[in-house]
Amino acid sequence: MSEFNQELIKALAHGDAEAHEQIKSLPLTVRMALGTAVDQLRRDENIIPINSGFSIYEEKKSSHSNDEEVANALSERNRLLREAEERREMIRQKHLEKEIKAKVQRARAGLAMNDRR
């Protein structure tokens, strides 16, 4: 941390946009070293940046979802789960009917109910 300008590191730690603009042209390795120094200063002095602050990683633009979008997504998921359960139940019913028909045919033919010998 001592190899960098302490005022620059402190400005970056506080989330200063001008300081962030100053370091954009620096090589990636230098920016990573600065990021490490900034993170260390934040931990040591319990600094919370004014904005999202300096990061060695490129910030992602987060998409904020509102409550209505979440509710719609949940209702769609619930609908899909319900339809899947209905399909499983229909398949189960068809399988049971098939087994019952096979047992009835075996009983009519006078065969044993199980295939074990």
Protein backbone atom coordinates (compact mmCIF):
# COMPACT_ATOMS: atom_id res chain seq x y z
CA MET A 1 0.00 0.00 0.00
CA SER A 2 2.94 2.29 0.57
CA GLU A 3 3.96 2.32 -3.11
CA PHE A 4 0.79 4.21 -4.12
CA ASN A 5 -0.30 7.76 -3.39
CA GLN A 6 -2.15 7.53 -0.07
CA GLU A 7 -4.52 10.37 -0.98
CA LEU A 8 -5.51 8.57 -4.17
CA ILE A 9 -6.16 5.34 -2.28
CA LYS A 10 -8.21 7.19 0.33
CA ALA A 11 -10.24 8.96 -2.40
CA LEU A 12 -10.88 5.63 -4.12
CA ALA A 13 -11.90 4.05 -0.83
CA HIS A 14 -14.46 6.79 -0.30
CA GLY A 15 -15.85 6.26 -3.80
CA ASP A 16 -14.58 9.45 -5.47
CA ALA A 17 -15.55 9.40 -9.16
CA GLU A 18 -12.68 11.68 -10.21
CA ALA A 19 -10.11 9.36 -8.63
CA HIS A 20 -11.73 6.45 -10.41
CA GLU A 21 -11.46 8.29 -13.73
CA GLN A 22 -7.75 8.94 -13.07
CA ILE A 23 -6.90 5.27 -12.76
CA LYS A 24 -8.87 4.01 -15.77
CA SER A 25 -5.88 4.41 -18.07
CA LEU A 26 -3.53 2.44 -15.79
CA PRO A 27 -2.62 -1.16 -16.65
CA LEU A 28 -4.82 -3.89 -15.24
CA THR A 29 -2.20 -5.19 -12.82
CA VAL A 30 -1.73 -1.73 -11.33
CA ARG A 31 -5.49 -1.28 -10.99
CA MET A 32 -5.71 -4.67 -9.29
CA ALA A 33 -2.99 -3.69 -6.85
CA LEU A 34 -4.80 -0.41 -6.19
CA GLY A 35 -8.03 -2.33 -5.66
CA THR A 36 -6.34 -4.53 -3.09
CA ALA A 37 -4.93 -1.47 -1.32
CA VAL A 38 -8.34 0.20 -1.38
CA ASP A 39 -10.04 -2.91 0.03
CA GLN A 40 -7.43 -3.15 2.78
CA LEU A 41 -7.93 0.53 3.71
CA ARG A 42 -11.70 0.04 3.80
CA ARG A 43 -11.30 -2.93 6.13
CA ASP A 44 -8.76 -1.19 8.36
CA GLU A 45 -10.69 2.06 8.73
CA ASN A 46 -14.25 0.70 8.29
CA ILE A 47 -14.89 2.93 5.29
CA ILE A 48 -18.16 2.62 3.44
CA PRO A 49 -17.94 4.21 -0.01
CA ILE A 50 -20.37 6.94 -1.01
CA ASN A 51 -21.35 5.08 -4.17
CA SER A 52 -20.75 1.49 -5.21
CA GLY A 53 -17.06 2.34 -5.06
CA PHE A 54 -13.93 1.09 -6.71
CA SER A 55 -13.71 -2.52 -7.67
CA ILE A 56 -11.05 -4.44 -9.52
CA TYR A 57 -13.86 -6.10 -11.40
CA GLU A 58 -16.08 -4.41 -13.93
CA GLU A 59 -19.40 -3.55 -12.37
CA LYS A 60 -22.48 -5.23 -13.73
CA LYS A 61 -25.54 -3.19 -14.30
CA SER A 62 -28.10 -4.78 -12.06
CA SER A 63 -31.62 -5.06 -13.26
CA HIS A 64 -34.02 -4.19 -10.52
CA SER A 65 -37.19 -6.19 -10.59
CA ASN A 66 -40.35 -4.89 -9.11
CA ASP A 67 -42.82 -6.84 -7.02
CA GLU A 68 -45.18 -7.37 -9.94
CA GLU A 69 -42.49 -9.07 -12.03
CA VAL A 70 -41.61 -11.34 -9.12
CA ALA A 71 -45.27 -12.18 -8.56
CA ASN A 72 -45.74 -12.97 -12.26
CA ALA A 73 -42.66 -15.19 -12.30
CA LEU A 74 -43.82 -17.06 -9.21
CA SER A 75 -47.32 -17.58 -10.57
CA GLU A 76 -45.88 -18.87 -13.86
CA ARG A 77 -43.63 -21.27 -11.96
CA ASN A 78 -46.55 -22.48 -9.85
CA ARG A 79 -48.62 -23.02 -12.99
CA LEU A 80 -45.85 -25.05 -14.60
CA LEU A 81 -45.41 -27.15 -11.45
CA ARG A 82 -49.15 -27.77 -11.27
CA GLU A 83 -49.25 -28.85 -14.95
CA ALA A 84 -46.28 -31.17 -14.42
CA GLU A 85 -47.98 -32.75 -11.41
CA GLU A 86 -51.18 -33.23 -13.43
CA ARG A 87 -49.18 -34.94 -16.20
CA ARG A 88 -47.48 -37.23 -13.66
CA GLU A 89 -50.85 -38.11 -12.13
CA MET A 90 -52.31 -38.86 -15.57
CA ILE A 91 -49.37 -41.13 -16.41
CA ARG A 92 -49.74 -42.84 -13.02
CA GLN A 93 -53.45 -43.44 -13.65
CA LYS A 94 -52.79 -44.89 -17.12
CA HIS A 95 -50.13 -47.20 -15.68
CA LEU A 96 -52.49 -48.39 -12.94
CA GLU A 97 -55.25 -49.04 -15.48
CA LYS A 98 -52.82 -51.01 -17.61
CA GLU A 99 -51.71 -53.11 -14.62
CA ILE A 100 -55.30 -53.75 -13.55
CA LYS A 101 -56.27 -54.86 -17.06
CA ALA A 102 -53.30 -57.23 -17.16
CA LYS A 103 -54.25 -58.71 -13.76
CA VAL A 104 -57.86 -59.12 -14.83
CA GLN A 105 -56.80 -60.92 -18.02
CA ARG A 106 -54.49 -63.22 -16.04
CA ALA A 107 -57.24 -63.96 -13.55
CA ARG A 108 -59.71 -64.77 -16.36
CA ALA A 109 -57.12 -67.08 -17.93
CA GLY A 110 -56.67 -68.86 -14.57
CA LEU A 111 -53.04 -67.85 -14.19
CA ALA A 112 -51.40 -66.98 -10.87
CA MET A 113 -51.47 -63.32 -9.85
CA ASN A 114 -47.71 -63.10 -9.52
CA ASP A 115 -44.98 -64.26 -11.83
CA ARG A 116 -42.79 -65.78 -9.14
CA ARG A 117 -42.17 -69.50 -9.38
